[in-house]
């Protein structure tokens, strides 16, 4: 049986999830990532984690499809038993997300449902489905956004889903405390990743604007966020619970 702690990161094959996976591995924690469609990308991250000296694996999961969570939980349990010799993992990082800028007046029901399924309903029910697989004393780390504190036109639906996650995280902390499980939020400001590439590409002045309203004078990069998620998986963060940690470089202060 492995004595290493294990983190499960949804959407861990790219962007912030990839960075978090590598930063968590650098803390001596084994990592399981999920990917939606790009298996080759995921397997490459597995290799990078293994090169850091940690065990790793990748599983397919569409976090917007709640009906698939039962099968995923079974696959995860089999993987944990076969690769690690244990029935549980320690840290759940609900990172998977989709980007959909949609001004309130133009938001379609389909846009809304897609955001809802991935960013709130999926997080809610995946966490519920995995409760029996998360070890006592573990951690749940949810991803939010700076857009719940400040409003930027075009993100009414997305930010509303993240606002729901912020309330949900407090309830997780309250209801799971008896098992020693802490739940926290990391709320990035805008980060330059493939997630936001479309927004940056379609607005040539966006980089300059973001720099102007950020105290530290630039947009964020994945390296600004992954280490915070990794920190929350360490004993140094064991007394942090039900907190929203914004990592935006000081946007809109």
C-alpha atoms as a PDB file:
ATOM      1  CA  UNK A   1       0.000   0.000   0.000  1.00  0.00           C
ATOM      2  CA  UNK A   2       1.310   3.434  -0.965  1.00  0.00           C
ATOM      3  CA  UNK A   3       1.986   5.846   1.883  1.00  0.00           C
ATOM      4  CA  UNK A   4       1.955   8.841  -0.459  1.00  0.00           C
ATOM      5  CA  UNK A   5      -0.900  11.279  -0.419  1.00  0.00           C
ATOM      6  CA  UNK A   6      -2.898  11.385  -3.666  1.00  0.00           C
ATOM      7  CA  UNK A   7      -4.562  14.369  -5.369  1.00  0.00           C
ATOM      8  CA  UNK A   8      -7.298  14.129  -8.006  1.00  0.00           C
ATOM      9  CA  UNK A   9      -7.425  17.140 -10.323  1.00  0.00           C
ATOM     10  CA  UNK A  10     -10.242  17.538 -12.831  1.00  0.00           C
ATOM     11  CA  UNK A  11      -9.200  19.124 -16.101  1.00  0.00           C
ATOM     12  CA  UNK A  12      -5.567  18.489 -15.242  1.00  0.00           C
ATOM     13  CA  UNK A  13      -4.155  18.133 -18.736  1.00  0.00           C
ATOM     14  CA  UNK A  14      -3.840  21.835 -19.608  1.00  0.00           C
ATOM     15  CA  UNK A  15      -3.811  25.381 -18.255  1.00  0.00           C
ATOM     16  CA  UNK A  16      -4.194  25.903 -14.533  1.00  0.00           C
ATOM     17  CA  UNK A  17      -4.972  22.235 -13.925  1.00  0.00           C
ATOM     18  CA  UNK A  18      -1.726  21.146 -15.569  1.00  0.00           C
ATOM     19  CA  UNK A  19       0.263  23.697 -13.588  1.00  0.00           C
ATOM     20  CA  UNK A  20      -1.421  22.650 -10.339  1.00  0.00           C
ATOM     21  CA  UNK A  21      -0.735  18.980 -11.093  1.00  0.00           C
ATOM     22  CA  UNK A  22       2.984  19.616 -11.548  1.00  0.00           C
ATOM     23  CA  UNK A  23       3.199  21.898  -8.498  1.00  0.00           C
ATOM     24  CA  UNK A  24       1.368  19.346  -6.348  1.00  0.00           C
ATOM     25  CA  UNK A  25       3.702  16.599  -7.572  1.00  0.00           C
ATOM     26  CA  UNK A  26       6.673  18.771  -6.626  1.00  0.00           C
ATOM     27  CA  UNK A  27       5.369  18.657  -3.035  1.00  0.00           C
ATOM     28  CA  UNK A  28       5.789  14.852  -3.008  1.00  0.00           C
ATOM     29  CA  UNK A  29       2.122  14.101  -3.667  1.00  0.00           C
ATOM     30  CA  UNK A  30       0.939  11.569  -6.254  1.00  0.00           C
ATOM     31  CA  UNK A  31      -1.525  12.858  -8.853  1.00  0.00           C
ATOM     32  CA  UNK A  32      -4.496  11.584 -10.834  1.00  0.00           C
ATOM     33  CA  UNK A  33      -5.704  13.956 -13.546  1.00  0.00           C
ATOM     34  CA  UNK A  34      -8.866  13.859 -15.583  1.00  0.00           C
ATOM     35  CA  UNK A  35      -9.214  14.977 -19.174  1.00  0.00           C
ATOM     36  CA  UNK A  36     -12.288  15.396 -21.325  1.00  0.00           C
ATOM     37  CA  UNK A  37     -11.058  14.489 -24.814  1.00  0.00           C
ATOM     38  CA  UNK A  38      -7.310  14.957 -25.316  1.00  0.00           C
ATOM     39  CA  UNK A  39      -5.796  11.746 -23.988  1.00  0.00           C
ATOM     40  CA  UNK A  40      -2.358  12.381 -25.505  1.00  0.00           C
ATOM     41  CA  UNK A  41      -2.039  15.692 -23.653  1.00  0.00           C
ATOM     42  CA  UNK A  42      -3.037  13.976 -20.434  1.00  0.00           C
ATOM     43  CA  UNK A  43      -0.554  11.132 -20.879  1.00  0.00           C
ATOM     44  CA  UNK A  44       2.207  13.685 -21.463  1.00  0.00           C
ATOM     45  CA  UNK A  45       1.407  15.336 -18.114  1.00  0.00           C
ATOM     46  CA  UNK A  46       1.474  11.901 -16.468  1.00  0.00           C
ATOM     47  CA  UNK A  47       5.006  11.436 -17.826  1.00  0.00           C
ATOM     48  CA  UNK A  48       6.057  14.854 -16.528  1.00  0.00           C
ATOM     49  CA  UNK A  49       4.714  14.019 -13.069  1.00  0.00           C
ATOM     50  CA  UNK A  50       6.490  10.669 -13.085  1.00  0.00           C
ATOM     51  CA  UNK A  51       9.701  12.474 -14.066  1.00  0.00           C
ATOM     52  CA  UNK A  52       9.324  14.408 -10.804  1.00  0.00           C
ATOM     53  CA  UNK A  53       9.396  11.089  -8.955  1.00  0.00           C
ATOM     54  CA  UNK A  54       5.686  10.728  -8.224  1.00  0.00           C
ATOM     55  CA  UNK A  55       3.137   8.143  -9.315  1.00  0.00           C
ATOM     56  CA  UNK A  56       0.475   9.475 -11.681  1.00  0.00           C
ATOM     57  CA  UNK A  57      -2.444   8.414 -13.851  1.00  0.00           C
ATOM     58  CA  UNK A  58      -5.076   9.930 -16.143  1.00  0.00           C
ATOM     59  CA  UNK A  59      -8.786   9.117 -16.434  1.00  0.00           C
ATOM     60  CA  UNK A  60     -11.348  10.366 -18.938  1.00  0.00           C
ATOM     61  CA  UNK A  61     -14.197  12.440 -17.488  1.00  0.00           C
ATOM     62  CA  UNK A  62     -16.676  14.992 -18.789  1.00  0.00           C
ATOM     63  CA  UNK A  63     -17.558  16.954 -15.655  1.00  0.00           C
ATOM     64  CA  UNK A  64     -20.700  18.279 -17.323  1.00  0.00           C
ATOM     65  CA  UNK A  65     -22.256  14.801 -17.570  1.00  0.00           C
ATOM     66  CA  UNK A  66     -23.520  13.844 -14.128  1.00  0.00           C
ATOM     67  CA  UNK A  67     -24.857  10.511 -15.381  1.00  0.00           C
ATOM     68  CA  UNK A  68     -21.269   9.357 -15.995  1.00  0.00           C
ATOM     69  CA  UNK A  69     -20.054   9.966 -12.437  1.00  0.00           C
ATOM     70  CA  UNK A  70     -21.010   6.529 -11.103  1.00  0.00           C
ATOM     71  CA  UNK A  71     -18.925   4.784 -13.738  1.00  0.00           C
ATOM     72  CA  UNK A  72     -16.069   7.237 -13.152  1.00  0.00           C
ATOM     73  CA  UNK A  73     -16.121   6.540  -9.411  1.00  0.00           C
ATOM     74  CA  UNK A  74     -15.845   2.806 -10.117  1.00  0.00           C
ATOM     75  CA  UNK A  75     -12.912   3.353 -12.492  1.00  0.00           C
ATOM     76  CA  UNK A  76     -11.224   5.576  -9.924  1.00  0.00           C
ATOM     77  CA  UNK A  77     -11.679   3.005  -7.157  1.00  0.00           C
ATOM     78  CA  UNK A  78     -10.207   0.265  -9.354  1.00  0.00           C
ATOM     79  CA  UNK A  79      -7.251   2.500 -10.234  1.00  0.00           C
ATOM     80  CA  UNK A  80      -6.587   3.412  -6.612  1.00  0.00           C
ATOM     81  CA  UNK A  81      -6.639  -0.245  -5.601  1.00  0.00           C
ATOM     82  CA  UNK A  82      -4.517  -1.536  -8.485  1.00  0.00           C
ATOM     83  CA  UNK A  83      -1.908   1.254  -8.611  1.00  0.00           C
ATOM     84  CA  UNK A  84      -1.794   2.459  -5.012  1.00  0.00           C
ATOM     85  CA  UNK A  85      -3.232  -0.435  -3.018  1.00  0.00           C
ATOM     86  CA  UNK A  86      -5.686   1.786  -1.163  1.00  0.00           C
ATOM     87  CA  UNK A  87      -9.406   2.585  -1.517  1.00  0.00           C
ATOM     88  CA  UNK A  88      -9.185   6.374  -1.172  1.00  0.00           C
ATOM     89  CA  UNK A  89      -7.442   9.564  -2.239  1.00  0.00           C
ATOM     90  CA  UNK A  90      -6.742  12.690  -0.214  1.00  0.00           C
ATOM     91  CA  UNK A  91      -7.210  15.911  -2.191  1.00  0.00           C
ATOM     92  CA  UNK A  92      -9.976  16.748  -4.656  1.00  0.00           C
ATOM     93  CA  UNK A  93      -9.270  19.753  -6.887  1.00  0.00           C
ATOM     94  CA  UNK A  94     -12.394  20.755  -8.830  1.00  0.00           C
ATOM     95  CA  UNK A  95     -10.618  22.635 -11.599  1.00  0.00           C
ATOM     96  CA  UNK A  96     -12.267  21.621 -14.904  1.00  0.00           C
ATOM     97  CA  UNK A  97     -14.009  24.494 -16.640  1.00  0.00           C
ATOM     98  CA  UNK A  98     -15.217  25.985 -19.896  1.00  0.00           C
ATOM     99  CA  UNK A  99     -15.033  29.598 -20.997  1.00  0.00           C
ATOM    100  CA  UNK A 100     -18.080  31.283 -22.479  1.00  0.00           C
ATOM    101  CA  UNK A 101     -18.236  35.038 -22.517  1.00  0.00           C
ATOM    102  CA  UNK A 102     -21.916  35.775 -22.940  1.00  0.00           C
ATOM    103  CA  UNK A 103     -23.348  39.241 -22.264  1.00  0.00           C
ATOM    104  CA  UNK A 104     -26.500  38.900 -20.195  1.00  0.00           C
ATOM    105  CA  UNK A 105     -28.838  40.107 -22.949  1.00  0.00           C
ATOM    106  CA  UNK A 106     -27.436  37.604 -25.462  1.00  0.00           C
ATOM    107  CA  UNK A 107     -27.006  34.543 -23.216  1.00  0.00           C
ATOM    108  CA  UNK A 108     -28.895  31.567 -24.602  1.00  0.00           C
ATOM    109  CA  UNK A 109     -30.421  28.838 -22.477  1.00  0.00           C
ATOM    110  CA  UNK A 110     -27.905  26.431 -24.032  1.00  0.00           C
ATOM    111  CA  UNK A 111     -24.977  28.661 -22.998  1.00  0.00           C
ATOM    112  CA  UNK A 112     -26.409  28.898 -19.499  1.00  0.00           C
ATOM    113  CA  UNK A 113     -26.961  25.140 -19.188  1.00  0.00           C
ATOM    114  CA  UNK A 114     -23.448  24.324 -20.422  1.00  0.00           C
ATOM    115  CA  UNK A 115     -21.897  26.656 -17.852  1.00  0.00           C
ATOM    116  CA  UNK A 116     -24.208  25.410 -15.120  1.00  0.00           C
ATOM    117  CA  UNK A 117     -23.499  21.738 -15.826  1.00  0.00           C
ATOM    118  CA  UNK A 118     -19.720  22.122 -15.754  1.00  0.00           C
ATOM    119  CA  UNK A 119     -19.180  24.850 -13.182  1.00  0.00           C
ATOM    120  CA  UNK A 120     -21.849  24.132 -10.582  1.00  0.00           C
ATOM    121  CA  UNK A 121     -23.975  21.020 -11.055  1.00  0.00           C
ATOM    122  CA  UNK A 122     -20.983  18.918 -12.095  1.00  0.00           C
ATOM    123  CA  UNK A 123     -18.844  20.119  -9.190  1.00  0.00           C
ATOM    124  CA  UNK A 124     -21.683  19.582  -6.720  1.00  0.00           C
ATOM    125  CA  UNK A 125     -22.528  16.040  -7.752  1.00  0.00           C
ATOM    126  CA  UNK A 126     -18.996  14.854  -8.543  1.00  0.00           C
ATOM    127  CA  UNK A 127     -17.929  15.913  -5.052  1.00  0.00           C
ATOM    128  CA  UNK A 128     -20.994  14.140  -3.638  1.00  0.00           C
ATOM    129  CA  UNK A 129     -20.247  10.976  -5.633  1.00  0.00           C
ATOM    130  CA  UNK A 130     -16.627  10.919  -4.432  1.00  0.00           C
ATOM    131  CA  UNK A 131     -17.334  11.580  -0.742  1.00  0.00           C
ATOM    132  CA  UNK A 132     -16.854   7.922   0.114  1.00  0.00           C
ATOM    133  CA  UNK A 133     -13.563   7.841  -1.786  1.00  0.00           C
ATOM    134  CA  UNK A 134     -12.027  10.964  -0.208  1.00  0.00           C
ATOM    135  CA  UNK A 135     -10.021  10.002   2.866  1.00  0.00           C
ATOM    136  CA  UNK A 136     -10.872  11.437   6.271  1.00  0.00           C
ATOM    137  CA  UNK A 137      -8.545  14.355   6.913  1.00  0.00           C
ATOM    138  CA  UNK A 138      -8.500  15.203   3.203  1.00  0.00           C
ATOM    139  CA  UNK A 139      -9.074  18.471   1.400  1.00  0.00           C
ATOM    140  CA  UNK A 140     -11.437  19.815  -1.247  1.00  0.00           C
ATOM    141  CA  UNK A 141     -10.203  22.751  -3.313  1.00  0.00           C
ATOM    142  CA  UNK A 142     -12.679  24.450  -5.613  1.00  0.00           C
ATOM    143  CA  UNK A 143     -11.829  27.000  -8.296  1.00  0.00           C
ATOM    144  CA  UNK A 144     -13.708  30.284  -8.388  1.00  0.00           C
ATOM    145  CA  UNK A 145     -12.875  33.591 -10.072  1.00  0.00           C
ATOM    146  CA  UNK A 146     -12.151  37.218  -9.286  1.00  0.00           C
ATOM    147  CA  UNK A 147     -15.367  37.926 -11.207  1.00  0.00           C
ATOM    148  CA  UNK A 148     -17.401  37.109  -8.096  1.00  0.00           C
ATOM    149  CA  UNK A 149     -15.864  40.167  -6.377  1.00  0.00           C
ATOM    150  CA  UNK A 150     -15.813  42.592  -9.315  1.00  0.00           C
ATOM    151  CA  UNK A 151     -18.083  42.654 -12.343  1.00  0.00           C
ATOM    152  CA  UNK A 152     -16.795  42.597 -15.911  1.00  0.00           C
ATOM    153  CA  UNK A 153     -19.515  42.787 -18.585  1.00  0.00           C
ATOM    154  CA  UNK A 154     -19.980  39.535 -20.453  1.00  0.00           C
ATOM    155  CA  UNK A 155     -19.620  37.066 -17.604  1.00  0.00           C
ATOM    156  CA  UNK A 156     -22.950  37.231 -15.774  1.00  0.00           C
ATOM    157  CA  UNK A 157     -23.719  33.518 -16.119  1.00  0.00           C
ATOM    158  CA  UNK A 158     -20.163  32.250 -15.563  1.00  0.00           C
ATOM    159  CA  UNK A 159     -19.595  34.413 -12.495  1.00  0.00           C
ATOM    160  CA  UNK A 160     -22.997  33.472 -11.072  1.00  0.00           C
ATOM    161  CA  UNK A 161     -22.041  29.777 -11.240  1.00  0.00           C
ATOM    162  CA  UNK A 162     -18.798  30.558  -9.445  1.00  0.00           C
ATOM    163  CA  UNK A 163     -20.707  32.552  -6.844  1.00  0.00           C
ATOM    164  CA  UNK A 164     -22.764  29.427  -6.191  1.00  0.00           C
ATOM    165  CA  UNK A 165     -19.534  27.444  -5.779  1.00  0.00           C
ATOM    166  CA  UNK A 166     -18.350  29.930  -3.159  1.00  0.00           C
ATOM    167  CA  UNK A 167     -21.464  29.365  -1.045  1.00  0.00           C
ATOM    168  CA  UNK A 168     -21.281  25.607  -1.682  1.00  0.00           C
ATOM    169  CA  UNK A 169     -17.687  25.493  -0.416  1.00  0.00           C
ATOM    170  CA  UNK A 170     -18.695  26.968   2.943  1.00  0.00           C
ATOM    171  CA  UNK A 171     -21.312  24.257   3.310  1.00  0.00           C
ATOM    172  CA  UNK A 172     -18.781  21.568   2.439  1.00  0.00           C
ATOM    173  CA  UNK A 173     -16.470  22.904   5.149  1.00  0.00           C
ATOM    174  CA  UNK A 174     -19.318  22.920   7.664  1.00  0.00           C
ATOM    175  CA  UNK A 175     -20.775  19.514   6.848  1.00  0.00           C
ATOM    176  CA  UNK A 176     -17.513  17.607   6.326  1.00  0.00           C
ATOM    177  CA  UNK A 177     -15.608  19.046   9.269  1.00  0.00           C
ATOM    178  CA  UNK A 178     -16.516  16.049  11.421  1.00  0.00           C
ATOM    179  CA  UNK A 179     -14.391  13.934   9.046  1.00  0.00           C
ATOM    180  CA  UNK A 180     -11.487  16.365   9.259  1.00  0.00           C
ATOM    181  CA  UNK A 181     -12.000  17.413   5.637  1.00  0.00           C
ATOM    182  CA  UNK A 182     -11.287  21.078   4.882  1.00  0.00           C
ATOM    183  CA  UNK A 183     -12.776  22.891   1.873  1.00  0.00           C
ATOM    184  CA  UNK A 184     -11.399  26.075   0.353  1.00  0.00           C
ATOM    185  CA  UNK A 185     -11.570  28.211  -2.787  1.00  0.00           C
ATOM    186  CA  UNK A 186      -8.897  29.638  -5.026  1.00  0.00           C
ATOM    187  CA  UNK A 187     -10.173  32.598  -7.067  1.00  0.00           C
ATOM    188  CA  UNK A 188      -7.773  33.591  -9.865  1.00  0.00           C
ATOM    189  CA  UNK A 189      -7.912  36.892 -11.668  1.00  0.00           C
ATOM    190  CA  UNK A 190      -7.542  36.721 -15.429  1.00  0.00           C
ATOM    191  CA  UNK A 191      -4.772  34.298 -16.384  1.00  0.00           C
ATOM    192  CA  UNK A 192      -3.086  33.932 -19.766  1.00  0.00           C
ATOM    193  CA  UNK A 193      -3.848  30.333 -20.740  1.00  0.00           C
ATOM    194  CA  UNK A 194      -5.507  28.568 -23.666  1.00  0.00           C
ATOM    195  CA  UNK A 195      -8.703  29.047 -21.596  1.00  0.00           C
ATOM    196  CA  UNK A 196      -8.524  32.832 -22.116  1.00  0.00           C
ATOM    197  CA  UNK A 197      -6.620  32.917 -25.426  1.00  0.00           C
ATOM    198  CA  UNK A 198      -9.767  33.683 -27.428  1.00  0.00           C
ATOM    199  CA  UNK A 199     -10.539  36.699 -25.238  1.00  0.00           C
ATOM    200  CA  UNK A 200      -6.984  38.052 -25.482  1.00  0.00           C
ATOM    201  CA  UNK A 201      -6.823  37.439 -29.253  1.00  0.00           C
ATOM    202  CA  UNK A 202     -10.140  39.165 -29.955  1.00  0.00           C
ATOM    203  CA  UNK A 203      -9.308  42.215 -27.816  1.00  0.00           C
ATOM    204  CA  UNK A 204      -5.845  43.531 -28.810  1.00  0.00           C
ATOM    205  CA  UNK A 205      -5.775  46.081 -25.963  1.00  0.00           C
ATOM    206  CA  UNK A 206      -6.793  43.573 -23.306  1.00  0.00           C
ATOM    207  CA  UNK A 207      -3.255  42.874 -22.081  1.00  0.00           C
ATOM    208  CA  UNK A 208      -2.617  46.593 -21.601  1.00  0.00           C
ATOM    209  CA  UNK A 209      -5.979  47.109 -19.903  1.00  0.00           C
ATOM    210  CA  UNK A 210      -5.539  44.176 -17.507  1.00  0.00           C
ATOM    211  CA  UNK A 211      -2.066  45.434 -16.632  1.00  0.00           C
ATOM    212  CA  UNK A 212      -3.474  48.893 -15.898  1.00  0.00           C
ATOM    213  CA  UNK A 213      -6.091  47.683 -13.411  1.00  0.00           C
ATOM    214  CA  UNK A 214      -3.838  45.143 -11.670  1.00  0.00           C
ATOM    215  CA  UNK A 215      -1.663  46.423  -8.821  1.00  0.00           C
ATOM    216  CA  UNK A 216       1.250  44.193  -9.818  1.00  0.00           C
ATOM    217  CA  UNK A 217       1.030  45.492 -13.377  1.00  0.00           C
ATOM    218  CA  UNK A 218       0.418  42.425 -15.544  1.00  0.00           C
ATOM    219  CA  UNK A 219      -2.082  39.632 -16.247  1.00  0.00           C
ATOM    220  CA  UNK A 220      -1.548  36.400 -14.350  1.00  0.00           C
ATOM    221  CA  UNK A 221       0.149  33.254 -15.649  1.00  0.00           C
ATOM    222  CA  UNK A 222      -0.463  29.646 -14.576  1.00  0.00           C
ATOM    223  CA  UNK A 223       2.644  29.672 -12.356  1.00  0.00           C
ATOM    224  CA  UNK A 224       0.899  32.315 -10.237  1.00  0.00           C
ATOM    225  CA  UNK A 225      -1.901  29.890  -9.319  1.00  0.00           C
ATOM    226  CA  UNK A 226      -0.670  26.284  -9.280  1.00  0.00           C
ATOM    227  CA  UNK A 227       1.530  26.808  -6.245  1.00  0.00           C
ATOM    228  CA  UNK A 228      -1.386  28.153  -4.204  1.00  0.00           C
ATOM    229  CA  UNK A 229      -3.455  25.057  -4.972  1.00  0.00           C
ATOM    230  CA  UNK A 230      -0.460  22.885  -4.082  1.00  0.00           C
ATOM    231  CA  UNK A 231       0.039  24.778  -0.807  1.00  0.00           C
ATOM    232  CA  UNK A 232      -3.560  24.014   0.183  1.00  0.00           C
ATOM    233  CA  UNK A 233      -2.696  20.303  -0.134  1.00  0.00           C
ATOM    234  CA  UNK A 234       0.115  20.533   2.435  1.00  0.00           C
ATOM    235  CA  UNK A 235       0.181  20.345   6.214  1.00  0.00           C
ATOM    236  CA  UNK A 236       1.179  24.011   6.287  1.00  0.00           C
ATOM    237  CA  UNK A 237      -2.411  24.801   5.177  1.00  0.00           C
ATOM    238  CA  UNK A 238      -4.166  22.388   7.537  1.00  0.00           C
ATOM    239  CA  UNK A 239      -5.934  25.106   9.569  1.00  0.00           C
ATOM    240  CA  UNK A 240      -7.259  27.020   6.552  1.00  0.00           C
ATOM    241  CA  UNK A 241     -10.920  26.154   6.041  1.00  0.00           C
ATOM    242  CA  UNK A 242     -13.928  27.696   4.266  1.00  0.00           C
ATOM    243  CA  UNK A 243     -11.750  30.473   2.841  1.00  0.00           C
ATOM    244  CA  UNK A 244     -11.787  32.283  -0.489  1.00  0.00           C
ATOM    245  CA  UNK A 245      -8.209  32.960  -1.530  1.00  0.00           C
ATOM    246  CA  UNK A 246      -8.116  35.429  -4.376  1.00  0.00           C
ATOM    247  CA  UNK A 247      -4.984  35.337  -6.504  1.00  0.00           C
ATOM    248  CA  UNK A 248      -5.413  38.218  -8.938  1.00  0.00           C
ATOM    249  CA  UNK A 249      -2.322  40.318  -8.392  1.00  0.00           C
ATOM    250  CA  UNK A 250      -4.630  42.966  -6.950  1.00  0.00           C
ATOM    251  CA  UNK A 251      -7.196  43.539  -9.717  1.00  0.00           C
ATOM    252  CA  UNK A 252      -9.701  46.388  -9.295  1.00  0.00           C
ATOM    253  CA  UNK A 253      -8.564  47.434  -5.828  1.00  0.00           C
END
